[in-house]
mmCIF file of all heavy atoms, coordinates in Angstrom:
data_MODEL
# 
_entry.id   MODEL 
# 
loop_
_atom_site.group_PDB 
_atom_site.id 
_atom_site.type_symbol 
_atom_site.label_atom_id 
_atom_site.label_alt_id 
_atom_site.label_comp_id 
_atom_site.label_asym_id 
_atom_site.label_entity_id 
_atom_site.label_seq_id 
_atom_site.pdbx_PDB_ins_code 
_atom_site.Cartn_x 
_atom_site.Cartn_y 
_atom_site.Cartn_z 
_atom_site.occupancy 
_atom_site.B_iso_or_equiv 
_atom_site.pdbx_formal_charge 
_atom_site.auth_seq_id 
_atom_site.auth_comp_id 
_atom_site.auth_asym_id 
_atom_site.auth_atom_id 
_atom_site.pdbx_PDB_model_num 
ATOM 1   N N   . GLN A 1 1  ? 67.016 40.093 132.381 1.00 0.00 ? 1  GLN A N   1 
ATOM 2   C CA  . GLN A 1 1  ? 65.724 40.754 132.218 1.00 0.00 ? 1  GLN A CA  1 
ATOM 3   C C   . GLN A 1 1  ? 65.558 41.187 130.774 1.00 0.00 ? 1  GLN A C   1 
ATOM 4   O O   . GLN A 1 1  ? 66.502 41.659 130.138 1.00 0.00 ? 1  GLN A O   1 
ATOM 5   C CB  . GLN A 1 1  ? 65.634 41.963 133.143 1.00 0.00 ? 1  GLN A CB  1 
ATOM 6   C CG  . GLN A 1 1  ? 64.262 42.623 133.167 1.00 0.00 ? 1  GLN A CG  1 
ATOM 7   C CD  . GLN A 1 1  ? 63.201 41.705 133.735 1.00 0.00 ? 1  GLN A CD  1 
ATOM 8   O OE1 . GLN A 1 1  ? 63.285 41.272 134.875 1.00 0.00 ? 1  GLN A OE1 1 
ATOM 9   N NE2 . GLN A 1 1  ? 62.197 41.390 132.928 1.00 0.00 ? 1  GLN A NE2 1 
ATOM 10  N N   . ASP A 1 2  ? 64.347 41.038 130.224 1.00 0.00 ? 2  ASP A N   1 
ATOM 11  C CA  . ASP A 1 2  ? 64.144 41.368 128.813 1.00 0.00 ? 2  ASP A CA  1 
ATOM 12  C C   . ASP A 1 2  ? 64.159 42.872 128.593 1.00 0.00 ? 2  ASP A C   1 
ATOM 13  O O   . ASP A 1 2  ? 63.795 43.668 129.468 1.00 0.00 ? 2  ASP A O   1 
ATOM 14  C CB  . ASP A 1 2  ? 62.833 40.766 128.307 1.00 0.00 ? 2  ASP A CB  1 
ATOM 15  C CG  . ASP A 1 2  ? 61.620 41.409 128.957 1.00 0.00 ? 2  ASP A CG  1 
ATOM 16  O OD1 . ASP A 1 2  ? 61.288 41.027 130.105 1.00 0.00 ? 2  ASP A OD1 1 
ATOM 17  O OD2 . ASP A 1 2  ? 61.013 42.292 128.340 1.00 0.00 ? 2  ASP A OD2 1 
ATOM 18  N N   . ILE A 1 3  ? 64.582 43.251 127.393 1.00 0.00 ? 3  ILE A N   1 
ATOM 19  C CA  . ILE A 1 3  ? 64.812 44.657 127.065 1.00 0.00 ? 3  ILE A CA  1 
ATOM 20  C C   . ILE A 1 3  ? 63.521 45.470 127.089 1.00 0.00 ? 3  ILE A C   1 
ATOM 21  O O   . ILE A 1 3  ? 63.526 46.647 127.452 1.00 0.00 ? 3  ILE A O   1 
ATOM 22  C CB  . ILE A 1 3  ? 65.505 44.776 125.686 1.00 0.00 ? 3  ILE A CB  1 
ATOM 23  C CG1 . ILE A 1 3  ? 66.060 46.179 125.468 1.00 0.00 ? 3  ILE A CG1 1 
ATOM 24  C CG2 . ILE A 1 3  ? 64.564 44.383 124.558 1.00 0.00 ? 3  ILE A CG2 1 
ATOM 25  C CD1 . ILE A 1 3  ? 67.306 46.471 126.236 1.00 0.00 ? 3  ILE A CD1 1 
ATOM 26  N N   . ARG A 1 4  ? 62.385 44.871 126.720 1.00 0.00 ? 4  ARG A N   1 
ATOM 27  C CA  . ARG A 1 4  ? 61.118 45.604 126.681 1.00 0.00 ? 4  ARG A CA  1 
ATOM 28  C C   . ARG A 1 4  ? 60.657 45.985 128.090 1.00 0.00 ? 4  ARG A C   1 
ATOM 29  O O   . ARG A 1 4  ? 60.119 47.076 128.296 1.00 0.00 ? 4  ARG A O   1 
ATOM 30  C CB  . ARG A 1 4  ? 60.043 44.762 125.996 1.00 0.00 ? 4  ARG A CB  1 
ATOM 31  C CG  . ARG A 1 4  ? 60.254 44.586 124.502 1.00 0.00 ? 4  ARG A CG  1 
ATOM 32  C CD  . ARG A 1 4  ? 60.020 45.884 123.744 1.00 0.00 ? 4  ARG A CD  1 
ATOM 33  N NE  . ARG A 1 4  ? 60.157 45.698 122.297 1.00 0.00 ? 4  ARG A NE  1 
ATOM 34  C CZ  . ARG A 1 4  ? 59.992 46.657 121.398 1.00 0.00 ? 4  ARG A CZ  1 
ATOM 35  N NH1 . ARG A 1 4  ? 59.669 47.881 121.807 1.00 0.00 ? 4  ARG A NH1 1 
ATOM 36  N NH2 . ARG A 1 4  ? 60.141 46.423 120.122 1.00 0.00 ? 4  ARG A NH2 1 
ATOM 37  N N   . THR A 1 5  ? 60.863 45.106 129.040 1.00 0.00 ? 5  THR A N   1 
ATOM 38  C CA  . THR A 1 5  ? 60.498 45.423 130.418 1.00 0.00 ? 5  THR A CA  1 
ATOM 39  C C   . THR A 1 5  ? 61.372 46.552 130.955 1.00 0.00 ? 5  THR A C   1 
ATOM 40  O O   . THR A 1 5  ? 60.880 47.467 131.623 1.00 0.00 ? 5  THR A O   1 
ATOM 41  C CB  . THR A 1 5  ? 60.656 44.180 131.310 1.00 0.00 ? 5  THR A CB  1 
ATOM 42  O OG1 . THR A 1 5  ? 59.781 43.159 130.848 1.00 0.00 ? 5  THR A OG1 1 
ATOM 43  C CG2 . THR A 1 5  ? 60.328 44.502 132.763 1.00 0.00 ? 5  THR A CG2 1 
ATOM 44  N N   . ILE A 1 6  ? 62.654 46.490 130.648 1.00 0.00 ? 6  ILE A N   1 
ATOM 45  C CA  . ILE A 1 6  ? 63.560 47.551 131.091 1.00 0.00 ? 6  ILE A CA  1 
ATOM 46  C C   . ILE A 1 6  ? 63.177 48.873 130.432 1.00 0.00 ? 6  ILE A C   1 
ATOM 47  O O   . ILE A 1 6  ? 63.215 49.930 131.064 1.00 0.00 ? 6  ILE A O   1 
ATOM 48  C CB  . ILE A 1 6  ? 65.016 47.171 130.763 1.00 0.00 ? 6  ILE A CB  1 
ATOM 49  C CG1 . ILE A 1 6  ? 65.415 45.928 131.573 1.00 0.00 ? 6  ILE A CG1 1 
ATOM 50  C CG2 . ILE A 1 6  ? 65.960 48.334 131.067 1.00 0.00 ? 6  ILE A CG2 1 
ATOM 51  C CD1 . ILE A 1 6  ? 66.771 45.374 131.230 1.00 0.00 ? 6  ILE A CD1 1 
ATOM 52  N N   . GLN A 1 7  ? 62.791 48.824 129.167 1.00 0.00 ? 7  GLN A N   1 
ATOM 53  C CA  . GLN A 1 7  ? 62.334 50.034 128.472 1.00 0.00 ? 7  GLN A CA  1 
ATOM 54  C C   . GLN A 1 7  ? 61.149 50.662 129.212 1.00 0.00 ? 7  GLN A C   1 
ATOM 55  O O   . GLN A 1 7  ? 61.103 51.878 129.423 1.00 0.00 ? 7  GLN A O   1 
ATOM 56  C CB  . GLN A 1 7  ? 61.908 49.691 127.042 1.00 0.00 ? 7  GLN A CB  1 
ATOM 57  C CG  . GLN A 1 7  ? 61.315 50.875 126.272 1.00 0.00 ? 7  GLN A CG  1 
ATOM 58  C CD  . GLN A 1 7  ? 60.631 50.453 124.985 1.00 0.00 ? 7  GLN A CD  1 
ATOM 59  O OE1 . GLN A 1 7  ? 60.615 49.270 124.628 1.00 0.00 ? 7  GLN A OE1 1 
ATOM 60  N NE2 . GLN A 1 7  ? 60.064 51.412 124.270 1.00 0.00 ? 7  GLN A NE2 1 
ATOM 61  N N   . ALA A 1 8  ? 60.196 49.825 129.627 1.00 0.00 ? 8  ALA A N   1 
ATOM 62  C CA  . ALA A 1 8  ? 59.015 50.329 130.348 1.00 0.00 ? 8  ALA A CA  1 
ATOM 63  C C   . ALA A 1 8  ? 59.398 50.906 131.702 1.00 0.00 ? 8  ALA A C   1 
ATOM 64  O O   . ALA A 1 8  ? 58.881 51.948 132.118 1.00 0.00 ? 8  ALA A O   1 
ATOM 65  C CB  . ALA A 1 8  ? 57.993 49.207 130.507 1.00 0.00 ? 8  ALA A CB  1 
ATOM 66  N N   . LEU A 1 9  ? 60.306 50.245 132.413 1.00 0.00 ? 9  LEU A N   1 
ATOM 67  C CA  . LEU A 1 9  ? 60.726 50.721 133.731 1.00 0.00 ? 9  LEU A CA  1 
ATOM 68  C C   . LEU A 1 9  ? 61.452 52.055 133.638 1.00 0.00 ? 9  LEU A C   1 
ATOM 69  O O   . LEU A 1 9  ? 61.309 52.921 134.506 1.00 0.00 ? 9  LEU A O   1 
ATOM 70  C CB  . LEU A 1 9  ? 61.630 49.685 134.395 1.00 0.00 ? 9  LEU A CB  1 
ATOM 71  C CG  . LEU A 1 9  ? 60.962 48.390 134.856 1.00 0.00 ? 9  LEU A CG  1 
ATOM 72  C CD1 . LEU A 1 9  ? 62.006 47.375 135.292 1.00 0.00 ? 9  LEU A CD1 1 
ATOM 73  C CD2 . LEU A 1 9  ? 59.971 48.654 135.981 1.00 0.00 ? 9  LEU A CD2 1 
ATOM 74  N N   . LEU A 1 10 ? 62.232 52.235 132.569 1.00 0.00 ? 10 LEU A N   1 
ATOM 75  C CA  . LEU A 1 10 ? 62.984 53.474 132.394 1.00 0.00 ? 10 LEU A CA  1 
ATOM 76  C C   . LEU A 1 10 ? 62.132 54.590 131.802 1.00 0.00 ? 10 LEU A C   1 
ATOM 77  O O   . LEU A 1 10 ? 62.488 55.762 131.905 1.00 0.00 ? 10 LEU A O   1 
ATOM 78  C CB  . LEU A 1 10 ? 64.194 53.234 131.489 1.00 0.00 ? 10 LEU A CB  1 
ATOM 79  C CG  . LEU A 1 10 ? 65.303 52.323 132.046 1.00 0.00 ? 10 LEU A CG  1 
ATOM 80  C CD1 . LEU A 1 10 ? 66.364 52.074 130.982 1.00 0.00 ? 10 LEU A CD1 1 
ATOM 81  C CD2 . LEU A 1 10 ? 65.940 52.940 133.285 1.00 0.00 ? 10 LEU A CD2 1 
ATOM 82  N N   . GLY A 1 11 ? 61.024 54.234 131.159 1.00 0.00 ? 11 GLY A N   1 
ATOM 83  C CA  . GLY A 1 11 ? 60.175 55.249 130.542 1.00 0.00 ? 11 GLY A CA  1 
ATOM 84  C C   . GLY A 1 11 ? 60.693 55.732 129.209 1.00 0.00 ? 11 GLY A C   1 
ATOM 85  O O   . GLY A 1 11 ? 60.414 56.866 128.799 1.00 0.00 ? 11 GLY A O   1 
ATOM 86  N N   . HIS A 1 12 ? 61.436 54.868 128.486 1.00 0.00 ? 12 HIS A N   1 
ATOM 87  C CA  . HIS A 1 12 ? 61.932 55.241 127.159 1.00 0.00 ? 12 HIS A CA  1 
ATOM 88  C C   . HIS A 1 12 ? 60.819 55.110 126.133 1.00 0.00 ? 12 HIS A C   1 
ATOM 89  O O   . HIS A 1 12 ? 60.113 54.094 126.103 1.00 0.00 ? 12 HIS A O   1 
ATOM 90  C CB  . HIS A 1 12 ? 63.104 54.343 126.750 1.00 0.00 ? 12 HIS A CB  1 
ATOM 91  C CG  . HIS A 1 12 ? 64.364 54.638 127.495 1.00 0.00 ? 12 HIS A CG  1 
ATOM 92  N ND1 . HIS A 1 12 ? 65.415 53.748 127.564 1.00 0.00 ? 12 HIS A ND1 1 
ATOM 93  C CD2 . HIS A 1 12 ? 64.766 55.729 128.197 1.00 0.00 ? 12 HIS A CD2 1 
ATOM 94  C CE1 . HIS A 1 12 ? 66.396 54.270 128.277 1.00 0.00 ? 12 HIS A CE1 1 
ATOM 95  N NE2 . HIS A 1 12 ? 66.017 55.474 128.671 1.00 0.00 ? 12 HIS A NE2 1 
ATOM 96  N N   . LYS A 1 13 ? 60.678 56.094 125.273 1.00 0.00 ? 13 LYS A N   1 
ATOM 97  C CA  . LYS A 1 13 ? 59.666 56.053 124.217 1.00 0.00 ? 13 LYS A CA  1 
ATOM 98  C C   . LYS A 1 13 ? 60.022 55.014 123.171 1.00 0.00 ? 13 LYS A C   1 
ATOM 99  O O   . LYS A 1 13 ? 59.157 54.310 122.642 1.00 0.00 ? 13 LYS A O   1 
ATOM 100 C CB  . LYS A 1 13 ? 59.539 57.444 123.578 1.00 0.00 ? 13 LYS A CB  1 
ATOM 101 C CG  . LYS A 1 13 ? 58.489 57.532 122.484 1.00 0.00 ? 13 LYS A CG  1 
ATOM 102 C CD  . LYS A 1 13 ? 58.396 58.942 121.935 1.00 0.00 ? 13 LYS A CD  1 
ATOM 103 C CE  . LYS A 1 13 ? 57.339 59.038 120.847 1.00 0.00 ? 13 LYS A CE  1 
ATOM 104 N NZ  . LYS A 1 13 ? 57.266 60.431 120.296 1.00 0.00 ? 13 LYS A NZ  1 
ATOM 105 N N   . ASP A 1 14 ? 61.308 54.931 122.828 1.00 0.00 ? 14 ASP A N   1 
ATOM 106 C CA  . ASP A 1 14 ? 61.791 54.034 121.781 1.00 0.00 ? 14 ASP A CA  1 
ATOM 107 C C   . ASP A 1 14 ? 62.744 53.017 122.382 1.00 0.00 ? 14 ASP A C   1 
ATOM 108 O O   . ASP A 1 14 ? 63.649 53.379 123.140 1.00 0.00 ? 14 ASP A O   1 
ATOM 109 C CB  . ASP A 1 14 ? 62.500 54.864 120.699 1.00 0.00 ? 14 ASP A CB  1 
ATOM 110 C CG  . ASP A 1 14 ? 62.796 54.067 119.440 1.00 0.00 ? 14 ASP A CG  1 
ATOM 111 O OD1 . ASP A 1 14 ? 62.867 52.833 119.520 1.00 0.00 ? 14 ASP A OD1 1 
ATOM 112 O OD2 . ASP A 1 14 ? 62.979 54.688 118.374 1.00 0.00 ? 14 ASP A OD2 1 
ATOM 113 N N   . VAL A 1 15 ? 62.565 51.752 122.029 1.00 0.00 ? 15 VAL A N   1 
ATOM 114 C CA  . VAL A 1 15 ? 63.438 50.708 122.563 1.00 0.00 ? 15 VAL A CA  1 
ATOM 115 C C   . VAL A 1 15 ? 64.879 50.915 122.109 1.00 0.00 ? 15 VAL A C   1 
ATOM 116 O O   . VAL A 1 15 ? 65.821 50.438 122.760 1.00 0.00 ? 15 VAL A O   1 
ATOM 117 C CB  . VAL A 1 15 ? 62.930 49.312 122.140 1.00 0.00 ? 15 VAL A CB  1 
ATOM 118 C CG1 . VAL A 1 15 ? 63.170 49.069 120.652 1.00 0.00 ? 15 VAL A CG1 1 
ATOM 119 C CG2 . VAL A 1 15 ? 63.587 48.223 122.984 1.00 0.00 ? 15 VAL A CG2 1 
ATOM 120 N N   . ALA A 1 16 ? 65.080 51.661 121.011 1.00 0.00 ? 16 ALA A N   1 
ATOM 121 C CA  . ALA A 1 16 ? 66.437 51.927 120.531 1.00 0.00 ? 16 ALA A CA  1 
ATOM 122 C C   . ALA A 1 16 ? 67.241 52.686 121.588 1.00 0.00 ? 16 ALA A C   1 
ATOM 123 O O   . ALA A 1 16 ? 68.457 52.522 121.699 1.00 0.00 ? 16 ALA A O   1 
ATOM 124 C CB  . ALA A 1 16 ? 66.393 52.717 119.228 1.00 0.00 ? 16 ALA A CB  1 
ATOM 125 N N   . THR A 1 17 ? 66.557 53.532 122.367 1.00 0.00 ? 17 THR A N   1 
ATOM 126 C CA  . THR A 1 17 ? 67.238 54.261 123.440 1.00 0.00 ? 17 THR A CA  1 
ATOM 127 C C   . THR A 1 17 ? 67.726 53.291 124.511 1.00 0.00 ? 17 THR A C   1 
ATOM 128 O O   . THR A 1 17 ? 68.834 53.427 125.037 1.00 0.00 ? 17 THR A O   1 
ATOM 129 C CB  . THR A 1 17 ? 66.288 55.296 124.075 1.00 0.00 ? 17 THR A CB  1 
ATOM 130 O OG1 . THR A 1 17 ? 65.754 56.126 123.044 1.00 0.00 ? 17 THR A OG1 1 
ATOM 131 C CG2 . THR A 1 17 ? 67.021 56.162 125.085 1.00 0.00 ? 17 THR A CG2 1 
ATOM 132 N N   . THR A 1 18 ? 66.903 52.300 124.813 1.00 0.00 ? 18 THR A N   1 
ATOM 133 C CA  . THR A 1 18 ? 67.274 51.310 125.826 1.00 0.00 ? 18 THR A CA  1 
ATOM 134 C C   . THR A 1 18 ? 68.383 50.393 125.328 1.00 0.00 ? 18 THR A C   1 
ATOM 135 O O   . THR A 1 18 ? 69.178 49.880 126.129 1.00 0.00 ? 18 THR A O   1 
ATOM 136 C CB  . THR A 1 18 ? 66.036 50.468 126.206 1.00 0.00 ? 18 THR A CB  1 
ATOM 137 O OG1 . THR A 1 18 ? 64.909 51.335 126.348 1.00 0.00 ? 18 THR A OG1 1 
ATOM 138 C CG2 . THR A 1 18 ? 66.258 49.726 127.521 1.00 0.00 ? 18 THR A CG2 1 
ATOM 139 N N   . MET A 1 19 ? 68.450 50.193 124.022 1.00 0.00 ? 19 MET A N   1 
ATOM 140 C CA  . MET A 1 19 ? 69.420 49.262 123.446 1.00 0.00 ? 19 MET A CA  1 
ATOM 141 C C   . MET A 1 19 ? 70.865 49.686 123.704 1.00 0.00 ? 19 MET A C   1 
ATOM 142 O O   . MET A 1 19 ? 71.782 48.875 123.577 1.00 0.00 ? 19 MET A O   1 
ATOM 143 C CB  . MET A 1 19 ? 69.191 49.121 121.939 1.00 0.00 ? 19 MET A CB  1 
ATOM 144 C CG  . MET A 1 19 ? 67.922 48.378 121.562 1.00 0.00 ? 19 MET A CG  1 
ATOM 145 S SD  . MET A 1 19 ? 67.951 46.640 122.070 1.00 0.00 ? 19 MET A SD  1 
ATOM 146 C CE  . MET A 1 19 ? 69.191 45.990 120.955 1.00 0.00 ? 19 MET A CE  1 
ATOM 147 N N   . ILE A 1 20 ? 71.081 50.941 124.062 1.00 0.00 ? 20 ILE A N   1 
ATOM 148 C CA  . ILE A 1 20 ? 72.452 51.392 124.324 1.00 0.00 ? 20 ILE A CA  1 
ATOM 149 C C   . ILE A 1 20 ? 73.084 50.582 125.447 1.00 0.00 ? 20 ILE A C   1 
ATOM 150 O O   . ILE A 1 20 ? 74.304 50.378 125.475 1.00 0.00 ? 20 ILE A O   1 
ATOM 151 C CB  . ILE A 1 20 ? 72.495 52.904 124.650 1.00 0.00 ? 20 ILE A CB  1 
ATOM 152 C CG1 . ILE A 1 20 ? 73.949 53.412 124.625 1.00 0.00 ? 20 ILE A CG1 1 
ATOM 153 C CG2 . ILE A 1 20 ? 71.862 53.191 126.004 1.00 0.00 ? 20 ILE A CG2 1 
ATOM 154 C CD1 . ILE A 1 20 ? 74.064 54.908 124.734 1.00 0.00 ? 20 ILE A CD1 1 
ATOM 155 N N   . TYR A 1 21 ? 72.256 50.062 126.353 1.00 0.00 ? 21 TYR A N   1 
ATOM 156 C CA  . TYR A 1 21 ? 72.804 49.295 127.468 1.00 0.00 ? 21 TYR A CA  1 
ATOM 157 C C   . TYR A 1 21 ? 73.300 47.921 127.032 1.00 0.00 ? 21 TYR A C   1 
ATOM 158 O O   . TYR A 1 21 ? 74.124 47.311 127.709 1.00 0.00 ? 21 TYR A O   1 
ATOM 159 C CB  . TYR A 1 21 ? 71.769 49.171 128.592 1.00 0.00 ? 21 TYR A CB  1 
ATOM 160 C CG  . TYR A 1 21 ? 71.381 50.524 129.137 1.00 0.00 ? 21 TYR A CG  1 
ATOM 161 C CD1 . TYR A 1 21 ? 70.128 51.063 128.898 1.00 0.00 ? 21 TYR A CD1 1 
ATOM 162 C CD2 . TYR A 1 21 ? 72.296 51.284 129.862 1.00 0.00 ? 21 TYR A CD2 1 
ATOM 163 C CE1 . TYR A 1 21 ? 69.786 52.324 129.377 1.00 0.00 ? 21 TYR A CE1 1 
ATOM 164 C CE2 . TYR A 1 21 ? 71.961 52.539 130.343 1.00 0.00 ? 21 TYR A CE2 1 
ATOM 165 C CZ  . TYR A 1 21 ? 70.714 53.051 130.095 1.00 0.00 ? 21 TYR A CZ  1 
ATOM 166 O OH  . TYR A 1 21 ? 70.378 54.302 130.556 1.00 0.00 ? 21 TYR A OH  1 
ATOM 167 N N   . THR A 1 22 ? 72.811 47.437 125.901 1.00 0.00 ? 22 THR A N   1 
ATOM 168 C CA  . THR A 1 22 ? 73.347 46.175 125.376 1.00 0.00 ? 22 THR A CA  1 
ATOM 169 C C   . THR A 1 22 ? 74.774 46.382 124.882 1.00 0.00 ? 22 THR A C   1 
ATOM 170 O O   . THR A 1 22 ? 75.596 45.476 124.937 1.00 0.00 ? 22 THR A O   1 
ATOM 171 C CB  . THR A 1 22 ? 72.481 45.621 124.238 1.00 0.00 ? 22 THR A CB  1 
ATOM 172 O OG1 . THR A 1 22 ? 72.506 46.527 123.124 1.00 0.00 ? 22 THR A OG1 1 
ATOM 173 C CG2 . THR A 1 22 ? 71.040 45.423 124.693 1.00 0.00 ? 22 THR A CG2 1 
ATOM 174 N N   . HIS A 1 23 ? 75.070 47.584 124.406 1.00 0.00 ? 23 HIS A N   1 
ATOM 175 C CA  . HIS A 1 23 ? 76.437 47.893 123.975 1.00 0.00 ? 23 HIS A CA  1 
ATOM 176 C C   . HIS A 1 23 ? 77.372 47.964 125.177 1.00 0.00 ? 23 HIS A C   1 
ATOM 177 O O   . HIS A 1 23 ? 78.538 47.597 125.094 1.00 0.00 ? 23 HIS A O   1 
ATOM 178 C CB  . HIS A 1 23 ? 76.470 49.219 123.202 1.00 0.00 ? 23 HIS A CB  1 
ATOM 179 C CG  . HIS A 1 23 ? 75.673 49.179 121.926 1.00 0.00 ? 23 HIS A CG  1 
ATOM 180 N ND1 . HIS A 1 23 ? 75.902 48.262 120.942 1.00 0.00 ? 23 HIS A ND1 1 
ATOM 181 C CD2 . HIS A 1 23 ? 74.644 49.944 121.490 1.00 0.00 ? 23 HIS A CD2 1 
ATOM 182 C CE1 . HIS A 1 23 ? 75.050 48.457 119.938 1.00 0.00 ? 23 HIS A CE1 1 
ATOM 183 N NE2 . HIS A 1 23 ? 74.275 49.475 120.250 1.00 0.00 ? 23 HIS A NE2 1 
ATOM 184 N N   . VAL A 1 24 ? 76.847 48.456 126.285 1.00 0.00 ? 24 VAL A N   1 
ATOM 185 C CA  . VAL A 1 24 ? 77.656 48.493 127.506 1.00 0.00 ? 24 VAL A CA  1 
ATOM 186 C C   . VAL A 1 24 ? 77.949 47.073 127.977 1.00 0.00 ? 24 VAL A C   1 
ATOM 187 O O   . VAL A 1 24 ? 79.051 46.753 128.414 1.00 0.00 ? 24 VAL A O   1 
ATOM 188 C CB  . VAL A 1 24 ? 76.926 49.282 128.615 1.00 0.00 ? 24 VAL A CB  1 
ATOM 189 C CG1 . VAL A 1 24 ? 77.724 49.247 129.903 1.00 0.00 ? 24 VAL A CG1 1 
ATOM 190 C CG2 . VAL A 1 24 ? 76.702 50.730 128.181 1.00 0.00 ? 24 VAL A CG2 1 
ATOM 191 N N   . LEU A 1 25 ? 76.944 46.199 127.859 1.00 0.00 ? 25 LEU A N   1 
ATOM 192 C CA  . LEU A 1 25 ? 77.134 44.809 128.248 1.00 0.00 ? 25 LEU A CA  1 
ATOM 193 C C   . LEU A 1 25 ? 78.194 44.121 127.396 1.00 0.00 ? 25 LEU A C   1 
ATOM 194 O O   . LEU A 1 25 ? 79.013 43.359 127.881 1.00 0.00 ? 25 LEU A O   1 
ATOM 195 C CB  . LEU A 1 25 ? 75.814 44.040 128.089 1.00 0.00 ? 25 LEU A CB  1 
ATOM 196 C CG  . LEU A 1 25 ? 74.816 44.065 129.233 1.00 0.00 ? 25 LEU A CG  1 
ATOM 197 C CD1 . LEU A 1 25 ? 73.611 43.228 128.864 1.00 0.00 ? 25 LEU A CD1 1 
ATOM 198 C CD2 . LEU A 1 25 ? 75.437 43.544 130.512 1.00 0.00 ? 25 LEU A CD2 1 
ATOM 199 N N   . ASN A 1 26 ? 78.147 44.410 126.091 1.00 0.00 ? 26 ASN A N   1 
ATOM 200 C CA  . ASN A 1 26 ? 79.035 43.728 125.152 1.00 0.00 ? 26 ASN A CA  1 
ATOM 201 C C   . ASN A 1 26 ? 80.388 44.396 125.053 1.00 0.00 ? 26 ASN A C   1 
ATOM 202 O O   . ASN A 1 26 ? 80.935 44.570 123.961 1.00 0.00 ? 26 ASN A O   1 
ATOM 203 C CB  . ASN A 1 26 ? 78.380 43.688 123.760 1.00 0.00 ? 26 ASN A CB  1 
ATOM 204 C CG  . ASN A 1 26 ? 77.144 42.820 123.752 1.00 0.00 ? 26 ASN A CG  1 
ATOM 205 O OD1 . ASN A 1 26 ? 77.046 41.886 124.525 1.00 0.00 ? 26 ASN A OD1 1 
ATOM 206 N ND2 . ASN A 1 26 ? 76.196 43.146 122.895 1.00 0.00 ? 26 ASN A ND2 1 
ATOM 207 N N   . LYS A 1 27 ? 80.914 44.810 126.151 1.00 0.00 ? 27 LYS A N   1 
ATOM 208 C CA  . LYS A 1 27 ? 82.221 45.453 126.149 1.00 0.00 ? 27 LYS A CA  1 
ATOM 209 C C   . LYS A 1 27 ? 83.292 44.447 125.754 1.00 0.00 ? 27 LYS A C   1 
ATOM 210 O O   . LYS A 1 27 ? 83.100 43.239 125.848 1.00 0.00 ? 27 LYS A O   1 
ATOM 211 C CB  . LYS A 1 27 ? 82.519 46.038 127.532 1.00 0.00 ? 27 LYS A CB  1 
ATOM 212 C CG  . LYS A 1 27 ? 82.461 45.027 128.659 1.00 0.00 ? 27 LYS A CG  1 
ATOM 213 C CD  . LYS A 1 27 ? 82.570 45.706 130.002 1.00 0.00 ? 27 LYS A CD  1 
ATOM 214 C CE  . LYS A 1 27 ? 82.426 44.677 131.117 1.00 0.00 ? 27 LYS A CE  1 
ATOM 215 N NZ  . LYS A 1 27 ? 82.509 45.298 132.440 1.00 0.00 ? 27 LYS A NZ  1 
ATOM 216 N N   . GLY A 1 28 ? 84.432 44.955 125.352 1.00 0.00 ? 28 GLY A N   1 
ATOM 217 C CA  . GLY A 1 28 ? 85.502 44.061 124.945 1.00 0.00 ? 28 GLY A CA  1 
ATOM 218 C C   . GLY A 1 28 ? 85.257 43.464 123.584 1.00 0.00 ? 28 GLY A C   1 
ATOM 219 O O   . GLY A 1 28 ? 85.334 42.260 123.384 1.00 0.00 ? 28 GLY A O   1 
# 
């Protein structure tokens, strides 16, 4: 799912807040 849609679903004002989940994905 694209990051902008997830940002809208979560209600984040800034996409940078949502981007933290990409760091969780890129573990290791």
